[in-house]
N, C-alpha and C. Protein backbone atom coordinates (compact mmCIF):
# COMPACT_ATOMS: atom_id res chain seq x y z
N MET A 1 67.25 -108.14 71.13
CA MET A 1 66.92 -107.17 70.43
C MET A 1 67.37 -107.58 68.93
N ASN A 2 66.50 -107.30 67.97
CA ASN A 2 66.70 -107.48 66.54
C ASN A 2 67.39 -106.41 65.87
N ALA A 3 68.05 -106.58 64.95
CA ALA A 3 68.96 -105.39 64.49
C ALA A 3 67.99 -104.38 63.92
N GLY A 4 66.68 -104.95 63.41
CA GLY A 4 65.62 -103.62 63.01
C GLY A 4 64.96 -103.04 63.99
N ASP A 5 64.94 -103.49 65.23
CA ASP A 5 64.23 -102.82 66.35
C ASP A 5 64.84 -101.43 66.84
N SER A 6 63.99 -100.73 67.14
CA SER A 6 64.58 -99.40 67.65
C SER A 6 64.63 -99.51 69.28
N GLY A 7 65.59 -99.02 69.79
CA GLY A 7 65.57 -98.86 71.36
C GLY A 7 66.72 -98.01 71.68
N GLU A 8 67.14 -98.25 72.98
CA GLU A 8 68.06 -97.99 73.65
C GLU A 8 69.57 -98.72 72.90
N GLY A 9 70.47 -97.66 72.53
CA GLY A 9 71.76 -98.15 72.15
C GLY A 9 71.43 -98.56 70.66
N SER A 10 70.59 -98.59 69.80
CA SER A 10 70.16 -98.84 68.52
C SER A 10 70.44 -97.86 67.78
N ILE A 11 70.96 -98.42 66.23
CA ILE A 11 71.35 -97.42 65.27
C ILE A 11 70.66 -97.46 64.14
N MET A 12 70.07 -96.50 63.70
CA MET A 12 69.30 -96.40 62.53
C MET A 12 70.29 -96.31 61.19
N VAL A 13 70.34 -97.47 60.47
CA VAL A 13 70.97 -97.47 59.17
C VAL A 13 70.29 -97.31 57.98
N THR A 14 70.63 -96.34 57.12
CA THR A 14 69.61 -96.41 55.89
C THR A 14 70.57 -97.16 54.93
N PRO A 15 69.77 -98.07 54.16
CA PRO A 15 70.24 -98.77 53.24
C PRO A 15 70.74 -97.78 51.97
N PHE A 16 72.06 -98.20 51.56
CA PHE A 16 72.45 -97.64 50.30
C PHE A 16 71.65 -97.77 49.05
N GLY A 17 71.49 -96.38 48.30
CA GLY A 17 70.84 -96.54 47.17
C GLY A 17 71.20 -95.31 46.31
N VAL A 18 70.99 -95.70 44.92
CA VAL A 18 71.19 -94.60 43.91
C VAL A 18 70.08 -94.29 43.28
N GLU A 19 69.43 -93.29 43.01
CA GLU A 19 68.46 -93.12 42.12
C GLU A 19 68.93 -91.98 41.18
N VAL A 20 68.37 -92.14 39.88
CA VAL A 20 68.82 -91.15 38.78
C VAL A 20 67.55 -90.53 38.00
N SER A 21 67.60 -89.17 38.37
CA SER A 21 66.37 -88.55 37.48
C SER A 21 67.03 -87.48 36.73
N GLY A 22 66.21 -86.68 36.01
CA GLY A 22 66.53 -85.25 35.40
C GLY A 22 66.84 -85.94 33.73
N ALA A 23 67.06 -84.94 33.12
CA ALA A 23 67.73 -85.04 31.74
C ALA A 23 68.89 -85.99 31.54
N PRO A 24 68.67 -86.51 30.36
CA PRO A 24 69.98 -87.69 30.16
C PRO A 24 71.27 -86.87 29.87
N THR A 25 71.43 -85.66 29.70
CA THR A 25 72.74 -84.89 29.50
C THR A 25 73.23 -83.96 31.00
N ALA A 26 72.02 -84.06 31.86
CA ALA A 26 72.14 -83.31 32.91
C ALA A 26 71.32 -84.02 34.17
N PRO A 27 71.84 -85.37 34.57
CA PRO A 27 71.17 -86.01 35.54
C PRO A 27 71.29 -85.72 36.97
N VAL A 28 70.45 -85.71 37.78
CA VAL A 28 70.47 -85.59 39.20
C VAL A 28 70.54 -87.19 40.00
N VAL A 29 71.82 -87.36 40.66
CA VAL A 29 71.93 -88.37 41.23
C VAL A 29 71.57 -88.40 42.60
N ILE A 30 70.52 -89.06 43.07
CA ILE A 30 70.42 -88.99 44.56
C ILE A 30 70.87 -90.30 45.43
N VAL A 31 71.76 -90.16 46.29
CA VAL A 31 72.48 -91.06 47.06
C VAL A 31 71.94 -91.00 48.27
N THR A 32 71.52 -92.31 48.93
CA THR A 32 70.98 -92.46 50.14
C THR A 32 71.90 -93.56 50.64
N GLY A 33 71.88 -93.41 51.98
CA GLY A 33 72.66 -94.32 52.88
C GLY A 33 74.20 -94.06 52.98
N GLU A 34 75.08 -94.82 53.49
CA GLU A 34 76.40 -94.59 53.63
C GLU A 34 77.11 -94.87 52.43
N ILE A 35 78.35 -94.28 51.94
CA ILE A 35 79.21 -94.65 51.04
C ILE A 35 80.54 -95.07 51.90
N ASP A 36 80.82 -96.13 51.22
CA ASP A 36 82.17 -96.74 52.13
C ASP A 36 82.68 -97.56 51.08
N VAL A 37 83.73 -98.57 51.47
CA VAL A 37 84.40 -99.27 50.59
C VAL A 37 83.35 -100.20 49.84
N ALA A 38 82.52 -100.55 50.53
CA ALA A 38 81.77 -101.73 49.92
C ALA A 38 80.51 -101.19 49.07
N THR A 39 80.31 -99.96 49.37
CA THR A 39 79.23 -99.57 48.23
C THR A 39 79.63 -98.23 47.21
N SER A 40 81.06 -98.00 47.46
CA SER A 40 81.45 -97.02 46.30
C SER A 40 81.64 -97.46 44.95
N PRO A 41 82.04 -98.60 44.80
CA PRO A 41 82.08 -99.26 43.49
C PRO A 41 80.38 -99.41 42.67
N GLN A 42 79.54 -99.56 43.52
CA GLN A 42 78.17 -99.29 42.78
C GLN A 42 77.69 -97.80 42.48
N LEU A 43 78.16 -96.77 43.16
CA LEU A 43 78.23 -95.50 42.93
C LEU A 43 79.11 -95.20 41.70
N ARG A 44 80.15 -95.69 41.76
CA ARG A 44 81.26 -95.59 40.51
C ARG A 44 80.80 -96.21 39.44
N THR A 45 80.21 -97.17 39.26
CA THR A 45 79.51 -97.86 38.33
C THR A 45 78.38 -97.30 37.48
N GLN A 46 77.61 -96.47 38.50
CA GLN A 46 76.40 -95.78 38.13
C GLN A 46 76.90 -94.67 37.16
N LEU A 47 77.73 -93.84 37.94
CA LEU A 47 78.31 -92.52 37.60
C LEU A 47 78.97 -92.80 36.21
N ASN A 48 79.88 -93.78 36.03
CA ASN A 48 80.52 -94.13 34.55
C ASN A 48 79.48 -94.56 33.46
N SER A 49 78.48 -95.14 34.05
CA SER A 49 77.23 -95.43 32.97
C SER A 49 76.48 -94.18 32.63
N LEU A 50 76.48 -93.14 33.44
CA LEU A 50 75.91 -91.84 33.04
C LEU A 50 76.79 -91.30 32.03
N VAL A 51 78.15 -91.23 32.50
CA VAL A 51 79.01 -90.61 31.61
C VAL A 51 79.33 -91.27 30.10
N GLU A 52 78.90 -92.54 30.19
CA GLU A 52 79.24 -93.15 28.69
C GLU A 52 77.74 -93.19 27.86
N ARG A 53 76.67 -92.65 28.53
CA ARG A 53 75.44 -92.52 27.67
C ARG A 53 75.15 -90.76 27.70
N GLY A 54 76.40 -90.24 27.77
CA GLY A 54 76.74 -88.68 27.03
C GLY A 54 76.31 -87.62 28.28
N ALA A 55 75.95 -88.14 29.43
CA ALA A 55 75.82 -87.03 30.45
C ALA A 55 76.94 -86.27 30.62
N THR A 56 76.79 -84.83 30.93
CA THR A 56 77.86 -83.86 30.77
C THR A 56 77.77 -82.96 32.13
N ASP A 57 76.69 -82.82 32.59
CA ASP A 57 76.46 -82.01 33.95
C ASP A 57 75.77 -82.91 34.95
N ILE A 58 76.51 -83.78 35.90
CA ILE A 58 75.89 -84.59 36.61
C ILE A 58 75.86 -83.73 38.01
N THR A 59 74.86 -83.74 38.85
CA THR A 59 74.52 -83.08 40.15
C THR A 59 74.38 -84.66 41.04
N LEU A 60 75.33 -84.45 42.11
CA LEU A 60 75.20 -85.38 43.12
C LEU A 60 74.15 -84.62 44.39
N GLU A 61 73.21 -85.32 44.91
CA GLU A 61 72.90 -85.19 45.94
C GLU A 61 72.98 -86.20 46.97
N PHE A 62 73.15 -85.78 48.25
CA PHE A 62 73.14 -86.69 49.27
C PHE A 62 72.14 -86.41 50.65
N GLY A 63 71.92 -87.63 51.25
CA GLY A 63 70.89 -87.26 52.25
C GLY A 63 71.11 -86.05 53.26
N GLY A 64 70.00 -85.58 53.63
CA GLY A 64 70.29 -84.47 54.73
C GLY A 64 70.98 -84.28 55.81
N ARG A 65 71.35 -85.88 56.20
CA ARG A 65 72.19 -85.83 57.44
C ARG A 65 73.73 -85.29 57.19
N HIS A 66 74.10 -85.33 55.67
CA HIS A 66 75.30 -84.81 55.40
C HIS A 66 75.37 -83.30 55.40
N LEU A 67 74.27 -82.80 55.09
CA LEU A 67 74.20 -81.20 55.15
C LEU A 67 74.32 -80.72 56.52
N GLY A 68 73.81 -81.43 57.35
CA GLY A 68 73.84 -80.97 58.94
C GLY A 68 75.22 -81.34 59.46
N SER A 69 75.99 -82.10 59.07
CA SER A 69 77.37 -82.45 59.73
C SER A 69 78.15 -81.26 58.88
N ALA A 70 78.08 -81.21 57.59
CA ALA A 70 78.63 -80.07 56.86
C ALA A 70 78.48 -78.74 57.45
N VAL A 71 77.37 -78.42 57.85
CA VAL A 71 77.32 -76.96 58.34
C VAL A 71 77.76 -77.19 60.14
N LEU A 72 77.57 -78.25 60.75
CA LEU A 72 78.30 -78.42 62.23
C LEU A 72 79.88 -78.39 62.01
N GLU A 73 80.46 -78.96 60.65
CA GLU A 73 81.74 -78.82 60.68
C GLU A 73 82.34 -77.31 60.55
N ALA A 74 81.59 -76.58 59.52
CA ALA A 74 81.98 -75.22 59.13
C ALA A 74 81.81 -74.48 60.56
N ALA A 75 80.80 -74.59 61.44
CA ALA A 75 80.64 -73.79 62.49
C ALA A 75 81.80 -73.98 63.51
N LEU A 76 82.06 -75.39 63.70
CA LEU A 76 82.90 -75.60 64.65
C LEU A 76 84.34 -75.66 64.30
N VAL A 77 84.90 -75.74 63.00
CA VAL A 77 86.03 -76.08 62.54
C VAL A 77 86.58 -74.77 61.64
N GLU A 78 86.02 -74.83 60.52
CA GLU A 78 86.20 -73.67 59.56
C GLU A 78 86.10 -72.37 60.23
N LEU A 79 85.11 -72.02 60.55
CA LEU A 79 84.93 -70.37 60.98
C LEU A 79 86.03 -70.05 62.00
N PRO A 80 86.29 -71.03 62.90
CA PRO A 80 87.46 -70.42 64.11
C PRO A 80 88.43 -70.53 63.23
N LEU A 81 89.00 -71.28 62.34
CA LEU A 81 90.09 -71.24 61.65
C LEU A 81 90.08 -69.98 60.79
N ALA A 82 89.08 -69.70 60.03
CA ALA A 82 89.05 -68.31 59.30
C ALA A 82 89.44 -67.15 60.28
N ALA A 83 88.81 -67.13 61.52
CA ALA A 83 88.85 -66.06 62.42
C ALA A 83 90.53 -65.94 62.90
N ILE A 84 91.14 -66.94 63.02
CA ILE A 84 92.63 -67.23 63.39
C ILE A 84 93.26 -66.56 62.30
N CYS A 85 93.08 -67.05 60.92
CA CYS A 85 93.70 -66.47 59.90
C CYS A 85 93.79 -64.80 59.63
N PHE A 86 92.35 -64.32 59.95
CA PHE A 86 92.34 -63.09 59.71
C PHE A 86 93.11 -62.14 60.90
N TRP A 87 93.02 -63.00 62.25
CA TRP A 87 94.03 -62.28 63.09
C TRP A 87 95.44 -62.33 62.84
N VAL A 88 95.84 -63.49 62.30
CA VAL A 88 97.31 -63.58 62.02
C VAL A 88 97.40 -62.69 60.94
N ALA A 89 96.49 -62.28 59.90
CA ALA A 89 96.91 -61.36 58.91
C ALA A 89 97.09 -60.15 59.52
N GLY A 90 96.05 -59.77 60.30
CA GLY A 90 96.00 -58.52 60.86
C GLY A 90 97.30 -58.17 61.22
N ASP A 91 97.72 -58.88 62.31
CA ASP A 91 98.92 -58.84 63.45
C ASP A 91 100.11 -58.85 62.25
N ALA A 92 100.33 -59.43 61.25
CA ALA A 92 101.50 -59.55 60.32
C ALA A 92 101.44 -58.21 59.70
N GLU A 93 100.25 -57.78 59.25
CA GLU A 93 100.21 -56.49 58.70
C GLU A 93 100.77 -55.15 59.67
N ARG A 94 100.34 -55.26 60.84
CA ARG A 94 100.66 -54.19 61.79
C ARG A 94 102.18 -54.48 62.10
N ALA A 95 102.84 -55.67 62.21
CA ALA A 95 104.08 -56.00 62.27
C ALA A 95 104.86 -55.35 61.13
N VAL A 96 104.50 -55.54 59.96
CA VAL A 96 105.04 -54.90 58.83
C VAL A 96 105.09 -53.58 58.72
N ALA A 97 104.15 -52.93 59.01
CA ALA A 97 103.82 -51.52 59.10
C ALA A 97 104.94 -50.90 60.20
N ASN A 98 105.05 -51.35 61.19
CA ASN A 98 105.75 -50.98 62.46
C ASN A 98 107.43 -51.09 61.95
N ALA A 99 107.75 -52.11 61.13
CA ALA A 99 109.11 -52.24 60.99
C ALA A 99 109.27 -51.38 59.63
N LEU A 100 108.36 -51.10 59.08
CA LEU A 100 108.79 -50.04 57.83
C LEU A 100 108.97 -48.70 58.44
N THR A 101 108.20 -48.32 59.44
CA THR A 101 108.25 -47.05 60.07
C THR A 101 109.26 -46.89 60.96
N ASP A 102 109.77 -47.87 61.74
CA ASP A 102 110.97 -48.10 62.46
C ASP A 102 112.30 -48.09 61.48
N GLY A 103 112.38 -48.60 60.47
CA GLY A 103 113.27 -48.34 59.60
C GLY A 103 113.66 -47.03 58.84
N ALA A 104 112.39 -46.56 58.62
CA ALA A 104 112.27 -45.26 57.99
C ALA A 104 113.00 -44.21 58.91
N GLU A 105 112.62 -44.45 60.28
CA GLU A 105 113.20 -43.40 61.29
C GLU A 105 114.68 -43.82 61.59
N THR A 106 114.71 -44.98 61.65
CA THR A 106 116.51 -45.22 61.65
C THR A 106 117.26 -44.57 60.67
N ALA A 107 117.08 -44.75 59.31
CA ALA A 107 117.43 -44.14 58.21
C ALA A 107 117.53 -42.68 58.21
N ALA A 108 116.69 -42.10 58.80
CA ALA A 108 116.59 -40.63 58.69
C ALA A 108 117.60 -40.13 59.77
N ASN A 109 118.00 -41.04 60.88
CA ASN A 109 118.94 -40.49 61.88
C ASN A 109 120.33 -40.65 61.61
């Protein structure tokens, strides 16, 4: 099976690309494909070029797959961690309140 064929076990790879649109001072940079050690210099060169030409408000847009993985990460990692933090903070607040109440009762006796 050739690399371009689709089938069982094949992986679809989107070629890396950078497109720029929008105003010269506020360009939108649309990045497709994977950013890795091989492709990051191309992105860096493009961004540096925009800054040198006077861009002050650069917006980066990545493919939809990144949004999906970010949402999945938030749902599976960040939300449970936030729930644990709220639980710990609430438990700590109750512990401090109990310690202050117990301390006040001991001082009164």
